[in-house]
Amino acid sequence: MHKILDRCVGDITSLCREKAYS
């Protein structure tokens, strides 16, 4: 799941963080 967060960090960390955590 680290890759998803890293990849989202470039876009919307707020939105990606919720999706990755969910």
PDB file of N, CA and C in Angstrom:
ATOM      1  N   MET A   1       0.843  -1.210   0.000  1.00  0.00           N
ATOM      2  CA  MET A   1       0.000   0.000   0.000  1.00  0.00           C
ATOM      3  C   MET A   1       0.872   1.251   0.000  1.00  0.00           C
ATOM      4  N   HIS A   2       2.141   1.067   0.245  1.00  0.00           N
ATOM      5  CA  HIS A   2       3.061   2.232   0.258  1.00  0.00           C
ATOM      6  C   HIS A   2       3.152   2.859  -1.126  1.00  0.00           C
ATOM      7  N   LYS A   3       3.100   2.023  -2.143  1.00  0.00           N
ATOM      8  CA  LYS A   3       3.212   2.530  -3.528  1.00  0.00           C
ATOM      9  C   LYS A   3       2.022   3.441  -3.855  1.00  0.00           C
ATOM     10  N   ILE A   4       0.848   3.043  -3.447  1.00  0.00           N
ATOM     11  CA  ILE A   4      -0.362   3.855  -3.739  1.00  0.00           C
ATOM     12  C   ILE A   4      -0.224   5.247  -3.114  1.00  0.00           C
ATOM     13  N   LEU A   5       0.220   5.274  -1.871  1.00  0.00           N
ATOM     14  CA  LEU A   5       0.355   6.565  -1.169  1.00  0.00           C
ATOM     15  C   LEU A   5       1.421   7.415  -1.869  1.00  0.00           C
ATOM     16  N   ASP A   6       2.525   6.765  -2.207  1.00  0.00           N
ATOM     17  CA  ASP A   6       3.636   7.493  -2.865  1.00  0.00           C
ATOM     18  C   ASP A   6       3.169   8.066  -4.210  1.00  0.00           C
ATOM     19  N   ARG A   7       2.421   7.309  -4.900  1.00  0.00           N
ATOM     20  CA  ARG A   7       1.972   7.727  -6.250  1.00  0.00           C
ATOM     21  C   ARG A   7       0.915   8.837  -6.088  1.00  0.00           C
ATOM     22  N   CYS A   8       0.081   8.726  -5.110  1.00  0.00           N
ATOM     23  CA  CYS A   8      -0.966   9.753  -4.902  1.00  0.00           C
ATOM     24  C   CYS A   8      -0.351  11.041  -4.358  1.00  0.00           C
ATOM     25  N   VAL A   9       0.734  10.922  -3.652  1.00  0.00           N
ATOM     26  CA  VAL A   9       1.380  12.110  -3.057  1.00  0.00           C
ATOM     27  C   VAL A   9       1.547  13.203  -4.113  1.00  0.00           C
ATOM     28  N   GLY A  10       1.760  12.801  -5.342  1.00  0.00           N
ATOM     29  CA  GLY A  10       1.966  13.797  -6.416  1.00  0.00           C
ATOM     30  C   GLY A  10       0.630  14.449  -6.793  1.00  0.00           C
ATOM     31  N   ASP A  11      -0.451  13.745  -6.592  1.00  0.00           N
ATOM     32  CA  ASP A  11      -1.778  14.299  -6.971  1.00  0.00           C
ATOM     33  C   ASP A  11      -2.480  14.892  -5.757  1.00  0.00           C
ATOM     34  N   ILE A  12      -3.463  14.198  -5.237  1.00  0.00           N
ATOM     35  CA  ILE A  12      -4.200  14.722  -4.069  1.00  0.00           C
ATOM     36  C   ILE A  12      -3.985  13.807  -2.868  1.00  0.00           C
ATOM     37  N   THR A  13      -3.035  14.142  -2.065  1.00  0.00           N
ATOM     38  CA  THR A  13      -2.741  13.297  -0.886  1.00  0.00           C
ATOM     39  C   THR A  13      -3.983  13.130  -0.023  1.00  0.00           C
ATOM     40  N   SER A  14      -4.758  14.157   0.088  1.00  0.00           N
ATOM     41  CA  SER A  14      -5.967  14.097   0.939  1.00  0.00           C
ATOM     42  C   SER A  14      -6.937  13.025   0.421  1.00  0.00           C
ATOM     43  N   LEU A  15      -7.204  13.064  -0.867  1.00  0.00           N
ATOM     44  CA  LEU A  15      -8.161  12.108  -1.440  1.00  0.00           C
ATOM     45  C   LEU A  15      -7.549  10.704  -1.531  1.00  0.00           C
ATOM     46  N   CYS A  16      -6.296  10.651  -1.933  1.00  0.00           N
ATOM     47  CA  CYS A  16      -5.619   9.344  -2.082  1.00  0.00           C
ATOM     48  C   CYS A  16      -5.463   8.700  -0.702  1.00  0.00           C
ATOM     49  N   ARG A  17      -5.200   9.514   0.283  1.00  0.00           N
ATOM     50  CA  ARG A  17      -4.950   8.964   1.652  1.00  0.00           C
ATOM     51  C   ARG A  17      -6.221   8.264   2.149  1.00  0.00           C
ATOM     52  N   GLU A  18      -7.341   8.881   1.922  1.00  0.00           N
ATOM     53  CA  GLU A  18      -8.594   8.262   2.379  1.00  0.00           C
ATOM     54  C   GLU A  18      -8.870   6.960   1.622  1.00  0.00           C
ATOM     55  N   LYS A  19      -8.616   6.959   0.345  1.00  0.00           N
ATOM     56  CA  LYS A  19      -8.863   5.763  -0.489  1.00  0.00           C
ATOM     57  C   LYS A  19      -7.902   4.634  -0.075  1.00  0.00           C
ATOM     58  N   ALA A  20      -6.658   4.972   0.116  1.00  0.00           N
ATOM     59  CA  ALA A  20      -5.651   3.960   0.476  1.00  0.00           C
ATOM     60  C   ALA A  20      -5.971   3.395   1.864  1.00  0.00           C
ATOM     61  N   TYR A  21      -6.384   4.246   2.763  1.00  0.00           N
ATOM     62  CA  TYR A  21      -6.708   3.785   4.126  1.00  0.00           C
ATOM     63  C   TYR A  21      -7.976   2.937   4.115  1.00  0.00           C
ATOM     64  N   SER A  22      -8.928   3.341   3.304  1.00  0.00           N
ATOM     65  CA  SER A  22     -10.201   2.598   3.213  1.00  0.00           C
ATOM     66  C   SER A  22      -9.872   1.218   2.686  1.00  0.00           C
TER      67      SER A  22
END
